[in-house]
Amino acid sequence: MTKVLIVDDDELFRAMLTEMVQREGYQVSTATNGNEALAAIEHSRPDLVITDILMPEKDGIELIMELAQRESRIPIIAVSGGRRSISLEFNLESAKLMGVRATLPKPFTREDLRRAITEALD
């Protein structure tokens, strides 16, 4: 079974996204920030990471950069709502430049998520 790691500091959004991904038939684990995500990846390597961009401690951009430095080949989907005075387009474009496979602006539909997962895993 394909393992997906969801990284988001928003508890309600993380729970909703977990349910959506599980309904697509994937095994899900979660983390609340980039530091937790790196520890989870060391413990059990996922097949896909879905990460929010803006989070406390270690944000999604820092997580993406660290995985790239480690030469990790785990596909990544970057998600952002564009809060905190940084534009949504900037966040997601920055992530794309760093090699993420797909991006999802919040809010998104289940079909948008399904499409992004398919794109990222291809």
PDB file of N, CA and C in Angstrom:
ATOM      1  N   MET A   1       0.846  -1.181   0.000  1.00  0.00           N
ATOM      2  CA  MET A   1       0.000   0.000   0.000  1.00  0.00           C
ATOM      3  C   MET A   1       0.892   1.245   0.000  1.00  0.00           C
ATOM      4  N   THR A   2       0.518   2.224  -0.782  1.00  0.00           N
ATOM      5  CA  THR A   2       1.255   3.486  -0.875  1.00  0.00           C
ATOM      6  C   THR A   2       1.111   4.270   0.423  1.00  0.00           C
ATOM      7  N   LYS A   3       2.262   4.705   0.966  1.00  0.00           N
ATOM      8  CA  LYS A   3       2.279   5.443   2.231  1.00  0.00           C
ATOM      9  C   LYS A   3       2.430   6.941   1.948  1.00  0.00           C
ATOM     10  N   VAL A   4       1.542   7.727   2.561  1.00  0.00           N
ATOM     11  CA  VAL A   4       1.532   9.180   2.387  1.00  0.00           C
ATOM     12  C   VAL A   4       1.745   9.841   3.751  1.00  0.00           C
ATOM     13  N   LEU A   5       2.688  10.784   3.798  1.00  0.00           N
ATOM     14  CA  LEU A   5       2.918  11.582   4.998  1.00  0.00           C
ATOM     15  C   LEU A   5       2.304  12.954   4.772  1.00  0.00           C
ATOM     16  N   ILE A   6       1.372  13.346   5.645  1.00  0.00           N
ATOM     17  CA  ILE A   6       0.729  14.658   5.577  1.00  0.00           C
ATOM     18  C   ILE A   6       1.346  15.542   6.651  1.00  0.00           C
ATOM     19  N   VAL A   7       1.829  16.720   6.242  1.00  0.00           N
ATOM     20  CA  VAL A   7       2.494  17.641   7.165  1.00  0.00           C
ATOM     21  C   VAL A   7       1.729  18.963   7.162  1.00  0.00           C
ATOM     22  N   ASP A   8       1.048  19.265   8.265  1.00  0.00           N
ATOM     23  CA  ASP A   8       0.281  20.510   8.373  1.00  0.00           C
ATOM     24  C   ASP A   8       0.066  20.832   9.841  1.00  0.00           C
ATOM     25  N   ASP A   9       0.240  22.088  10.216  1.00  0.00           N
ATOM     26  CA  ASP A   9       0.084  22.486  11.611  1.00  0.00           C
ATOM     27  C   ASP A   9      -1.366  22.713  12.015  1.00  0.00           C
ATOM     28  N   ASP A  10      -2.263  22.845  11.058  1.00  0.00           N
ATOM     29  CA  ASP A  10      -3.683  23.080  11.335  1.00  0.00           C
ATOM     30  C   ASP A  10      -4.364  21.734  11.585  1.00  0.00           C
ATOM     31  N   GLU A  11      -4.753  21.492  12.831  1.00  0.00           N
ATOM     32  CA  GLU A  11      -5.298  20.193  13.225  1.00  0.00           C
ATOM     33  C   GLU A  11      -6.545  19.808  12.420  1.00  0.00           C
ATOM     34  N   LEU A  12      -7.474  20.742  12.236  1.00  0.00           N
ATOM     35  CA  LEU A  12      -8.701  20.434  11.495  1.00  0.00           C
ATOM     36  C   LEU A  12      -8.415  20.132  10.026  1.00  0.00           C
ATOM     37  N   PHE A  13      -7.554  20.941   9.417  1.00  0.00           N
ATOM     38  CA  PHE A  13      -7.216  20.704   8.018  1.00  0.00           C
ATOM     39  C   PHE A  13      -6.477  19.371   7.861  1.00  0.00           C
ATOM     40  N   ARG A  14      -5.549  19.091   8.777  1.00  0.00           N
ATOM     41  CA  ARG A  14      -4.780  17.845   8.729  1.00  0.00           C
ATOM     42  C   ARG A  14      -5.719  16.639   8.836  1.00  0.00           C
ATOM     43  N   ALA A  15      -6.704  16.717   9.730  1.00  0.00           N
ATOM     44  CA  ALA A  15      -7.666  15.621   9.890  1.00  0.00           C
ATOM     45  C   ALA A  15      -8.519  15.447   8.632  1.00  0.00           C
ATOM     46  N   MET A  16      -8.970  16.563   8.050  1.00  0.00           N
ATOM     47  CA  MET A  16      -9.772  16.492   6.831  1.00  0.00           C
ATOM     48  C   MET A  16      -8.960  15.903   5.679  1.00  0.00           C
ATOM     49  N   LEU A  17      -7.721  16.364   5.531  1.00  0.00           N
ATOM     50  CA  LEU A  17      -6.863  15.873   4.455  1.00  0.00           C
ATOM     51  C   LEU A  17      -6.533  14.391   4.656  1.00  0.00           C
ATOM     52  N   THR A  18      -6.300  14.000   5.899  1.00  0.00           N
ATOM     53  CA  THR A  18      -6.036  12.590   6.207  1.00  0.00           C
ATOM     54  C   THR A  18      -7.206  11.731   5.760  1.00  0.00           C
ATOM     55  N   GLU A  19      -8.418  12.153   6.098  1.00  0.00           N
ATOM     56  CA  GLU A  19      -9.604  11.389   5.703  1.00  0.00           C
ATOM     57  C   GLU A  19      -9.735  11.313   4.179  1.00  0.00           C
ATOM     58  N   MET A  20      -9.500  12.432   3.498  1.00  0.00           N
ATOM     59  CA  MET A  20      -9.598  12.439   2.031  1.00  0.00           C
ATOM     60  C   MET A  20      -8.597  11.469   1.405  1.00  0.00           C
ATOM     61  N   VAL A  21      -7.367  11.485   1.890  1.00  0.00           N
ATOM     62  CA  VAL A  21      -6.316  10.629   1.320  1.00  0.00           C
ATOM     63  C   VAL A  21      -6.590   9.157   1.651  1.00  0.00           C
ATOM     64  N   GLN A  22      -7.047   8.873   2.863  1.00  0.00           N
ATOM     65  CA  GLN A  22      -7.389   7.494   3.220  1.00  0.00           C
ATOM     66  C   GLN A  22      -8.520   6.967   2.354  1.00  0.00           C
ATOM     67  N   ARG A  23      -9.481   7.809   2.054  1.00  0.00           N
ATOM     68  CA  ARG A  23     -10.606   7.382   1.192  1.00  0.00           C
ATOM     69  C   ARG A  23     -10.150   7.045  -0.226  1.00  0.00           C
ATOM     70  N   GLU A  24      -8.987   7.573  -0.616  1.00  0.00           N
ATOM     71  CA  GLU A  24      -8.429   7.241  -1.930  1.00  0.00           C
ATOM     72  C   GLU A  24      -7.643   5.929  -1.869  1.00  0.00           C
ATOM     73  N   GLY A  25      -7.553   5.332  -0.683  1.00  0.00           N
ATOM     74  CA  GLY A  25      -6.926   4.025  -0.543  1.00  0.00           C
ATOM     75  C   GLY A  25      -5.467   4.048  -0.120  1.00  0.00           C
ATOM     76  N   TYR A  26      -4.992   5.168   0.412  1.00  0.00           N
ATOM     77  CA  TYR A  26      -3.598   5.269   0.821  1.00  0.00           C
ATOM     78  C   TYR A  26      -3.467   5.135   2.338  1.00  0.00           C
ATOM     79  N   GLN A  27      -2.314   4.645   2.780  1.00  0.00           N
ATOM     80  CA  GLN A  27      -1.983   4.586   4.203  1.00  0.00           C
ATOM     81  C   GLN A  27      -1.409   5.944   4.589  1.00  0.00           C
ATOM     82  N   VAL A  28      -1.904   6.541   5.668  1.00  0.00           N
ATOM     83  CA  VAL A  28      -1.521   7.915   6.022  1.00  0.00           C
ATOM     84  C   VAL A  28      -0.873   7.984   7.393  1.00  0.00           C
ATOM     85  N   SER A  29       0.202   8.786   7.472  1.00  0.00           N
ATOM     86  CA  SER A  29       0.773   9.199   8.749  1.00  0.00           C
ATOM     87  C   SER A  29       0.828  10.720   8.698  1.00  0.00           C
ATOM     88  N   THR A  30       0.969  11.360   9.876  1.00  0.00           N
ATOM     89  CA  THR A  30       0.921  12.815   9.912  1.00  0.00           C
ATOM     90  C   THR A  30       2.052  13.392  10.752  1.00  0.00           C
ATOM     91  N   ALA A  31       2.325  14.673  10.490  1.00  0.00           N
ATOM     92  CA  ALA A  31       3.280  15.460  11.270  1.00  0.00           C
ATOM     93  C   ALA A  31       2.752  16.885  11.308  1.00  0.00           C
ATOM     94  N   THR A  32       3.125  17.630  12.366  1.00  0.00           N
ATOM     95  CA  THR A  32       2.609  18.992  12.510  1.00  0.00           C
ATOM     96  C   THR A  32       3.586  20.063  12.039  1.00  0.00           C
ATOM     97  N   ASN A  33       4.821  19.671  11.693  1.00  0.00           N
ATOM     98  CA  ASN A  33       5.793  20.632  11.168  1.00  0.00           C
ATOM     99  C   ASN A  33       6.929  19.868  10.482  1.00  0.00           C
ATOM    100  N   GLY A  34       7.850  20.603   9.905  1.00  0.00           N
ATOM    101  CA  GLY A  34       8.938  19.979   9.167  1.00  0.00           C
ATOM    102  C   GLY A  34       9.850  19.123  10.018  1.00  0.00           C
ATOM    103  N   ASN A  35      10.085  19.521  11.262  1.00  0.00           N
ATOM    104  CA  ASN A  35      10.937  18.710  12.142  1.00  0.00           C
ATOM    105  C   ASN A  35      10.310  17.347  12.410  1.00  0.00           C
ATOM    106  N   GLU A  36       9.018  17.340  12.724  1.00  0.00           N
ATOM    107  CA  GLU A  36       8.319  16.068  12.939  1.00  0.00           C
ATOM    108  C   GLU A  36       8.316  15.234  11.660  1.00  0.00           C
ATOM    109  N   ALA A  37       8.164  15.902  10.529  1.00  0.00           N
ATOM    110  CA  ALA A  37       8.148  15.196   9.244  1.00  0.00           C
ATOM    111  C   ALA A  37       9.483  14.494   8.989  1.00  0.00           C
ATOM    112  N   LEU A  38      10.587  15.188   9.242  1.00  0.00           N
ATOM    113  CA  LEU A  38      11.897  14.579   9.025  1.00  0.00           C
ATOM    114  C   LEU A  38      12.100  13.368   9.923  1.00  0.00           C
ATOM    115  N   ALA A  39      11.656  13.465  11.178  1.00  0.00           N
ATOM    116  CA  ALA A  39      11.748  12.328  12.091  1.00  0.00           C
ATOM    117  C   ALA A  39      10.890  11.161  11.588  1.00  0.00           C
ATOM    118  N   ALA A  40       9.690  11.465  11.103  1.00  0.00           N
ATOM    119  CA  ALA A  40       8.801  10.422  10.585  1.00  0.00           C
ATOM    120  C   ALA A  40       9.400   9.762   9.344  1.00  0.00           C
ATOM    121  N   ILE A  41      10.035  10.553   8.489  1.00  0.00           N
ATOM    122  CA  ILE A  41      10.653  10.026   7.265  1.00  0.00           C
ATOM    123  C   ILE A  41      11.817   9.109   7.619  1.00  0.00           C
ATOM    124  N   GLU A  42      12.591   9.472   8.641  1.00  0.00           N
ATOM    125  CA  GLU A  42      13.699   8.618   9.095  1.00  0.00           C
ATOM    126  C   GLU A  42      13.177   7.293   9.629  1.00  0.00           C
ATOM    127  N   HIS A  43      12.042   7.336  10.314  1.00  0.00           N
ATOM    128  CA  HIS A  43      11.466   6.145  10.924  1.00  0.00           C
ATOM    129  C   HIS A  43      10.832   5.212   9.886  1.00  0.00           C
ATOM    130  N   SER A  44      10.065   5.788   8.972  1.00  0.00           N
ATOM    131  CA  SER A  44       9.345   4.997   7.974  1.00  0.00           C
ATOM    132  C   SER A  44       9.173   5.838   6.711  1.00  0.00           C
ATOM    133  N   ARG A  45       9.971   5.561   5.696  1.00  0.00           N
ATOM    134  CA  ARG A  45       9.993   6.369   4.480  1.00  0.00           C
ATOM    135  C   ARG A  45       8.654   6.285   3.742  1.00  0.00           C
ATOM    136  N   PRO A  46       7.996   7.443   3.560  1.00  0.00           N
ATOM    137  CA  PRO A  46       6.729   7.434   2.809  1.00  0.00           C
ATOM    138  C   PRO A  46       6.993   7.411   1.297  1.00  0.00           C
ATOM    139  N   ASP A  47       5.937   7.097   0.553  1.00  0.00           N
ATOM    140  CA  ASP A  47       6.019   7.123  -0.908  1.00  0.00           C
ATOM    141  C   ASP A  47       5.683   8.502  -1.456  1.00  0.00           C
ATOM    142  N   LEU A  48       5.057   9.342  -0.614  1.00  0.00           N
ATOM    143  CA  LEU A  48       4.627  10.684  -1.010  1.00  0.00           C
ATOM    144  C   LEU A  48       4.525  11.550   0.241  1.00  0.00           C
ATOM    145  N   VAL A  49       4.935  12.823   0.110  1.00  0.00           N
ATOM    146  CA  VAL A  49       4.763  13.798   1.186  1.00  0.00           C
ATOM    147  C   VAL A  49       3.836  14.895   0.677  1.00  0.00           C
ATOM    148  N   ILE A  50       2.815  15.208   1.459  1.00  0.00           N
ATOM    149  CA  ILE A  50       1.948  16.356   1.185  1.00  0.00           C
ATOM    150  C   ILE A  50       2.201  17.338   2.318  1.00  0.00           C
ATOM    151  N   THR A  51       2.779  18.504   1.989  1.00  0.00           N
ATOM    152  CA  THR A  51       3.147  19.445   3.043  1.00  0.00           C
ATOM    153  C   THR A  51       2.575  20.830   2.837  1.00  0.00           C
ATOM    154  N   ASP A  52       2.125  21.408   3.940  1.00  0.00           N
ATOM    155  CA  ASP A  52       1.756  22.820   3.950  1.00  0.00           C
ATOM    156  C   ASP A  52       3.049  23.610   3.812  1.00  0.00           C
ATOM    157  N   ILE A  53       2.959  24.827   3.356  1.00  0.00           N
ATOM    158  CA  ILE A  53       4.144  25.670   3.214  1.00  0.00           C
ATOM    159  C   ILE A  53       4.410  26.435   4.500  1.00  0.00           C
ATOM    160  N   LEU A  54       3.413  27.086   5.054  1.00  0.00           N
ATOM    161  CA  LEU A  54       3.614  27.950   6.220  1.00  0.00           C
ATOM    162  C   LEU A  54       3.251  27.215   7.504  1.00  0.00           C
ATOM    163  N   MET A  55       4.295  26.917   8.309  1.00  0.00           N
ATOM    164  CA  MET A  55       4.124  26.212   9.582  1.00  0.00           C
ATOM    165  C   MET A  55       5.174  26.723  10.560  1.00  0.00           C
ATOM    166  N   PRO A  56       4.924  26.551  11.854  1.00  0.00           N
ATOM    167  CA  PRO A  56       5.939  26.937  12.851  1.00  0.00           C
ATOM    168  C   PRO A  56       7.101  25.937  12.887  1.00  0.00           C
ATOM    169  N   GLU A  57       8.159  26.312  13.536  1.00  0.00           N
ATOM    170  CA  GLU A  57       9.378  25.511  13.746  1.00  0.00           C
ATOM    171  C   GLU A  57      10.136  25.302  12.440  1.00  0.00           C
ATOM    172  N   LYS A  58       9.741  24.365  11.626  1.00  0.00           N
ATOM    173  CA  LYS A  58      10.361  24.169  10.304  1.00  0.00           C
ATOM    174  C   LYS A  58       9.224  24.141   9.305  1.00  0.00           C
ATOM    175  N   ASP A  59       9.192  25.146   8.416  1.00  0.00           N
ATOM    176  CA  ASP A  59       8.073  25.240   7.473  1.00  0.00           C
ATOM    177  C   ASP A  59       8.270  24.308   6.279  1.00  0.00           C
ATOM    178  N   GLY A  60       7.290  24.326   5.385  1.00  0.00           N
ATOM    179  CA  GLY A  60       7.319  23.437   4.229  1.00  0.00           C
ATOM    180  C   GLY A  60       8.468  23.713   3.278  1.00  0.00           C
ATOM    181  N   ILE A  61       8.814  24.979   3.081  1.00  0.00           N
ATOM    182  CA  ILE A  61       9.935  25.316   2.195  1.00  0.00           C
ATOM    183  C   ILE A  61      11.235  24.754   2.770  1.00  0.00           C
ATOM    184  N   GLU A  62      11.420  24.916   4.084  1.00  0.00           N
ATOM    185  CA  GLU A  62      12.630  24.372   4.734  1.00  0.00           C
ATOM    186  C   GLU A  62      12.653  22.842   4.640  1.00  0.00           C
ATOM    187  N   LEU A  63      11.495  22.211   4.803  1.00  0.00           N
ATOM    188  CA  LEU A  63      11.400  20.763   4.678  1.00  0.00           C
ATOM    189  C   LEU A  63      11.770  20.325   3.264  1.00  0.00           C
ATOM    190  N   ILE A  64      11.217  20.993   2.270  1.00  0.00           N
ATOM    191  CA  ILE A  64      11.503  20.659   0.867  1.00  0.00           C
ATOM    192  C   ILE A  64      12.997  20.819   0.587  1.00  0.00           C
ATOM    193  N   MET A  65      13.597  21.917   1.075  1.00  0.00           N
ATOM    194  CA  MET A  65      15.031  22.152   0.851  1.00  0.00           C
ATOM    195  C   MET A  65      15.877  21.070   1.528  1.00  0.00           C
ATOM    196  N   GLU A  66      15.519  20.702   2.756  1.00  0.00           N
ATOM    197  CA  GLU A  66      16.296  19.685   3.458  1.00  0.00           C
ATOM    198  C   GLU A  66      16.191  18.327   2.780  1.00  0.00           C
ATOM    199  N   LEU A  67      15.008  17.971   2.308  1.00  0.00           N
ATOM    200  CA  LEU A  67      14.863  16.708   1.586  1.00  0.00           C
ATOM    201  C   LEU A  67      15.671  16.724   0.293  1.00  0.00           C
ATOM    202  N   ALA A  68      15.730  17.865  -0.378  1.00  0.00           N
ATOM    203  CA  ALA A  68      16.534  17.988  -1.591  1.00  0.00           C
ATOM    204  C   ALA A  68      18.023  17.837  -1.270  1.00  0.00           C
ATOM    205  N   GLN A  69      18.474  18.456  -0.180  1.00  0.00           N
ATOM    206  CA  GLN A  69      19.879  18.339   0.229  1.00  0.00           C
ATOM    207  C   GLN A  69      20.244  16.897   0.559  1.00  0.00           C
ATOM    208  N   ARG A  70      19.287  16.166   1.087  1.00  0.00           N
ATOM    209  CA  ARG A  70      19.511  14.753   1.416  1.00  0.00           C
ATOM    210  C   ARG A  70      19.389  13.858   0.184  1.00  0.00           C
ATOM    211  N   GLU A  71      19.124  14.487  -0.962  1.00  0.00           N
ATOM    212  CA  GLU A  71      18.921  13.781  -2.226  1.00  0.00           C
ATOM    213  C   GLU A  71      17.792  12.757  -2.122  1.00  0.00           C
ATOM    214  N   SER A  72      16.778  13.132  -1.367  1.00  0.00           N
ATOM    215  CA  SER A  72      15.585  12.306  -1.237  1.00  0.00           C
ATOM    216  C   SER A  72      14.827  12.342  -2.557  1.00  0.00           C
ATOM    217  N   ARG A  73      14.337  11.231  -2.957  1.00  0.00           N
ATOM    218  CA  ARG A  73      13.568  11.166  -4.198  1.00  0.00           C
ATOM    219  C   ARG A  73      12.072  11.020  -3.909  1.00  0.00           C
ATOM    220  N   ILE A  74      11.670  11.344  -2.683  1.00  0.00           N
ATOM    221  CA  ILE A  74      10.261  11.243  -2.315  1.00  0.00           C
ATOM    222  C   ILE A  74       9.499  12.361  -3.029  1.00  0.00           C
ATOM    223  N   PRO A  75       8.476  12.027  -3.803  1.00  0.00           N
ATOM    224  CA  PRO A  75       7.679  13.074  -4.435  1.00  0.00           C
ATOM    225  C   PRO A  75       6.942  13.900  -3.380  1.00  0.00           C
ATOM    226  N   ILE A  76       6.813  15.190  -3.665  1.00  0.00           N
ATOM    227  CA  ILE A  76       6.201  16.117  -2.717  1.00  0.00           C
ATOM    228  C   ILE A  76       5.089  16.909  -3.397  1.00  0.00           C
ATOM    229  N   ILE A  77       3.977  17.073  -2.673  1.00  0.00           N
ATOM    230  CA  ILE A  77       2.914  17.988  -3.068  1.00  0.00           C
ATOM    231  C   ILE A  77       2.931  19.121  -2.052  1.00  0.00           C
ATOM    232  N   ALA A  78       3.034  20.360  -2.526  1.00  0.00           N
ATOM    233  CA  ALA A  78       3.018  21.529  -1.648  1.00  0.00           C
ATOM    234  C   ALA A  78       1.622  22.130  -1.634  1.00  0.00           C
ATOM    235  N   VAL A  79       1.153  22.458  -0.421  1.00  0.00           N
ATOM    236  CA  VAL A  79      -0.177  23.027  -0.219  1.00  0.00           C
ATOM    237  C   VAL A  79      -0.008  24.367   0.482  1.00  0.00           C
ATOM    238  N   SER A  80      -0.780  25.381   0.046  1.00  0.00           N
ATOM    239  CA  SER A  80      -0.683  26.667   0.732  1.00  0.00           C
ATOM    240  C   SER A  80      -1.971  27.459   0.607  1.00  0.00           C
ATOM    241  N   GLY A  81      -2.269  28.169   1.705  1.00  0.00           N
ATOM    242  CA  GLY A  81      -3.394  29.091   1.718  1.00  0.00           C
ATOM    243  C   GLY A  81      -2.935  30.525   1.568  1.00  0.00           C
ATOM    244  N   GLY A  82      -1.621  30.753   1.569  1.00  0.00           N
ATOM    245  CA  GLY A  82      -1.066  32.072   1.324  1.00  0.00           C
ATOM    246  C   GLY A  82      -1.270  33.091   2.423  1.00  0.00           C
ATOM    247  N   ARG A  83      -1.377  32.661   3.667  1.00  0.00           N
ATOM    248  CA  ARG A  83      -1.555  33.621   4.756  1.00  0.00           C
ATOM    249  C   ARG A  83      -0.214  34.272   5.122  1.00  0.00           C
ATOM    250  N   ARG A  84      -0.235  35.100   6.139  1.00  0.00           N
ATOM    251  CA  ARG A  84       0.965  35.762   6.665  1.00  0.00           C
ATOM    252  C   ARG A  84       1.636  36.709   5.676  1.00  0.00           C
ATOM    253  N   SER A  85       0.892  37.450   4.950  1.00  0.00           N
ATOM    254  CA  SER A  85       1.358  38.518   4.064  1.00  0.00           C
ATOM    255  C   SER A  85       2.249  38.059   2.912  1.00  0.00           C
ATOM    256  N   ILE A  86       2.462  36.763   2.767  1.00  0.00           N
ATOM    257  CA  ILE A  86       3.204  36.266   1.609  1.00  0.00           C
ATOM    258  C   ILE A  86       2.171  35.701   0.652  1.00  0.00           C
ATOM    259  N   SER A  87       2.281  36.045  -0.596  1.00  0.00           N
ATOM    260  CA  SER A  87       1.245  35.639  -1.541  1.00  0.00           C
ATOM    261  C   SER A  87       1.247  34.135  -1.782  1.00  0.00           C
ATOM    262  N   LEU A  88       0.074  33.608  -2.046  1.00  0.00           N
ATOM    263  CA  LEU A  88      -0.112  32.204  -2.370  1.00  0.00           C
ATOM    264  C   LEU A  88       0.738  31.821  -3.583  1.00  0.00           C
ATOM    265  N   GLU A  89       0.724  32.660  -4.606  1.00  0.00           N
ATOM    266  CA  GLU A  89       1.472  32.363  -5.829  1.00  0.00           C
ATOM    267  C   GLU A  89       2.966  32.253  -5.554  1.00  0.00           C
ATOM    268  N   PHE A  90       3.495  33.144  -4.711  1.00  0.00           N
ATOM    269  CA  PHE A  90       4.914  33.110  -4.373  1.00  0.00           C
ATOM    270  C   PHE A  90       5.265  31.804  -3.674  1.00  0.00           C
ATOM    271  N   ASN A  91       4.469  31.419  -2.689  1.00  0.00           N
ATOM    272  CA  ASN A  91       4.729  30.183  -1.943  1.00  0.00           C
ATOM    273  C   ASN A  91       4.754  28.966  -2.859  1.00  0.00           C
ATOM    274  N   LEU A  92       3.742  28.821  -3.671  1.00  0.00           N
ATOM    275  CA  LEU A  92       3.642  27.639  -4.514  1.00  0.00           C
ATOM    276  C   LEU A  92       4.650  27.682  -5.656  1.00  0.00           C
ATOM    277  N   GLU A  93       4.938  28.850  -6.206  1.00  0.00           N
ATOM    278  CA  GLU A  93       5.960  28.957  -7.249  1.00  0.00           C
ATOM    279  C   GLU A  93       7.334  28.621  -6.689  1.00  0.00           C
ATOM    280  N   SER A  94       7.623  29.094  -5.476  1.00  0.00           N
ATOM    281  CA  SER A  94       8.900  28.777  -4.832  1.00  0.00           C
ATOM    282  C   SER A  94       9.038  27.269  -4.672  1.00  0.00           C
ATOM    283  N   ALA A  95       7.972  26.631  -4.237  1.00  0.00           N
ATOM    284  CA  ALA A  95       7.995  25.182  -4.051  1.00  0.00           C
ATOM    285  C   ALA A  95       8.235  24.468  -5.378  1.00  0.00           C
ATOM    286  N   LYS A  96       7.582  24.922  -6.439  1.00  0.00           N
ATOM    287  CA  LYS A  96       7.780  24.302  -7.758  1.00  0.00           C
ATOM    288  C   LYS A  96       9.220  24.426  -8.216  1.00  0.00           C
ATOM    289  N   LEU A  97       9.817  25.590  -7.973  1.00  0.00           N
ATOM    290  CA  LEU A  97      11.210  25.797  -8.352  1.00  0.00           C
ATOM    291  C   LEU A  97      12.144  24.855  -7.605  1.00  0.00           C
ATOM    292  N   MET A  98      11.734  24.400  -6.450  1.00  0.00           N
ATOM    293  CA  MET A  98      12.554  23.488  -5.653  1.00  0.00           C
ATOM    294  C   MET A  98      12.272  22.025  -5.975  1.00  0.00           C
ATOM    295  N   GLY A  99      11.420  21.773  -6.949  1.00  0.00           N
ATOM    296  CA  GLY A  99      11.234  20.411  -7.425  1.00  0.00           C
ATOM    297  C   GLY A  99      10.027  19.650  -6.931  1.00  0.00           C
ATOM    298  N   VAL A 100       9.069  20.318  -6.277  1.00  0.00           N
ATOM    299  CA  VAL A 100       7.874  19.569  -5.881  1.00  0.00           C
ATOM    300  C   VAL A 100       7.151  19.104  -7.140  1.00  0.00           C
ATOM    301  N   ARG A 101       6.463  17.997  -7.017  1.00  0.00           N
ATOM    302  CA  ARG A 101       5.788  17.405  -8.182  1.00  0.00           C
ATOM    303  C   ARG A 101       4.466  18.060  -8.514  1.00  0.00           C
ATOM    304  N   ALA A 102       3.785  18.593  -7.486  1.00  0.00           N
ATOM    305  CA  ALA A 102       2.475  19.214  -7.708  1.00  0.00           C
ATOM    306  C   ALA A 102       2.231  20.231  -6.598  1.00  0.00           C
ATOM    307  N   THR A 103       1.346  21.184  -6.874  1.00  0.00           N
ATOM    308  CA  THR A 103       0.963  22.177  -5.872  1.00  0.00           C
ATOM    309  C   THR A 103      -0.559  22.237  -5.792  1.00  0.00           C
ATOM    310  N   LEU A 104      -1.045  22.581  -4.598  1.00  0.00           N
ATOM    311  CA  LEU A 104      -2.483  22.716  -4.374  1.00  0.00           C
ATOM    312  C   LEU A 104      -2.741  23.985  -3.575  1.00  0.00           C
ATOM    313  N   PRO A 105      -3.422  24.959  -4.160  1.00  0.00           N
ATOM    314  CA  PRO A 105      -3.823  26.135  -3.375  1.00  0.00           C
ATOM    315  C   PRO A 105      -5.063  25.786  -2.547  1.00  0.00           C
ATOM    316  N   LYS A 106      -5.058  26.212  -1.269  1.00  0.00           N
ATOM    317  CA  LYS A 106      -6.236  26.007  -0.417  1.00  0.00           C
ATOM    318  C   LYS A 106      -7.265  27.075  -0.758  1.00  0.00           C
ATOM    319  N   PRO A 107      -8.536  26.777  -0.781  1.00  0.00           N
ATOM    320  CA  PRO A 107      -9.138  25.456  -0.641  1.00  0.00           C
ATOM    321  C   PRO A 107      -9.067  24.691  -1.960  1.00  0.00           C
ATOM    322  N   PHE A 108      -9.152  23.379  -1.880  1.00  0.00           N
ATOM    323  CA  PHE A 108      -9.156  22.544  -3.086  1.00  0.00           C
ATOM    324  C   PHE A 108     -10.191  21.442  -2.920  1.00  0.00           C
ATOM    325  N   THR A 109     -10.557  20.846  -4.043  1.00  0.00           N
ATOM    326  CA  THR A 109     -11.567  19.783  -4.035  1.00  0.00           C
ATOM    327  C   THR A 109     -10.897  18.413  -3.936  1.00  0.00           C
ATOM    328  N   ARG A 110     -11.713  17.430  -3.673  1.00  0.00           N
ATOM    329  CA  ARG A 110     -11.202  16.047  -3.638  1.00  0.00           C
ATOM    330  C   ARG A 110     -10.628  15.662  -4.999  1.00  0.00           C
ATOM    331  N   GLU A 111     -11.265  16.127  -6.060  1.00  0.00           N
ATOM    332  CA  GLU A 111     -10.761  15.833  -7.408  1.00  0.00           C
ATOM    333  C   GLU A 111      -9.413  16.516  -7.637  1.00  0.00           C
ATOM    334  N   ASP A 112      -9.244  17.750  -7.157  1.00  0.00           N
ATOM    335  CA  ASP A 112      -7.945  18.431  -7.263  1.00  0.00           C
ATOM    336  C   ASP A 112      -6.876  17.614  -6.545  1.00  0.00           C
ATOM    337  N   LEU A 113      -7.204  17.118  -5.355  1.00  0.00           N
ATOM    338  CA  LEU A 113      -6.265  16.311  -4.584  1.00  0.00           C
ATOM    339  C   LEU A 113      -5.932  15.028  -5.324  1.00  0.00           C
ATOM    340  N   ARG A 114      -6.932  14.342  -5.835  1.00  0.00           N
ATOM    341  CA  ARG A 114      -6.735  13.093  -6.581  1.00  0.00           C
ATOM    342  C   ARG A 114      -5.801  13.330  -7.769  1.00  0.00           C
ATOM    343  N   ARG A 115      -6.028  14.415  -8.488  1.00  0.00           N
ATOM    344  CA  ARG A 115      -5.206  14.756  -9.653  1.00  0.00           C
ATOM    345  C   ARG A 115      -3.760  15.029  -9.235  1.00  0.00           C
ATOM    346  N   ALA A 116      -3.576  15.774  -8.149  1.00  0.00           N
ATOM    347  CA  ALA A 116      -2.226  16.090  -7.678  1.00  0.00           C
ATOM    348  C   ALA A 116      -1.478  14.836  -7.236  1.00  0.00           C
ATOM    349  N   ILE A 117      -2.165  13.930  -6.539  1.00  0.00           N
ATOM    350  CA  ILE A 117      -1.531  12.687  -6.102  1.00  0.00           C
ATOM    351  C   ILE A 117      -1.115  11.873  -7.310  1.00  0.00           C
ATOM    352  N   THR A 118      -1.994  11.746  -8.275  1.00  0.00           N
ATOM    353  CA  THR A 118      -1.666  10.987  -9.488  1.00  0.00           C
ATOM    354  C   THR A 118      -0.456  11.600 -10.192  1.00  0.00           C
ATOM    355  N   GLU A 119      -0.460  12.925 -10.325  1.00  0.00           N
ATOM    356  CA  GLU A 119       0.656  13.647 -10.959  1.00  0.00           C
ATOM    357  C   GLU A 119       1.965  13.424 -10.196  1.00  0.00           C
ATOM    358  N   ALA A 120       1.903  13.496  -8.883  1.00  0.00           N
ATOM    359  CA  ALA A 120       3.106  13.369  -8.061  1.00  0.00           C
ATOM    360  C   ALA A 120       3.666  11.941  -8.091  1.00  0.00           C
ATOM    361  N   LEU A 121       2.804  10.949  -8.137  1.00  0.00           N
ATOM    362  CA  LEU A 121       3.268   9.565  -8.107  1.00  0.00           C
ATOM    363  C   LEU A 121       3.655   9.015  -9.466  1.00  0.00           C
ATOM    364  N   ASP A 122       3.314   9.721 -10.545  1.00  0.00           N
ATOM    365  CA  ASP A 122       3.685   9.260 -11.905  1.00  0.00           C
ATOM    366  C   ASP A 122       5.159   9.402 -12.174  1.00  0.00           C
TER     367      ASP A 122
END
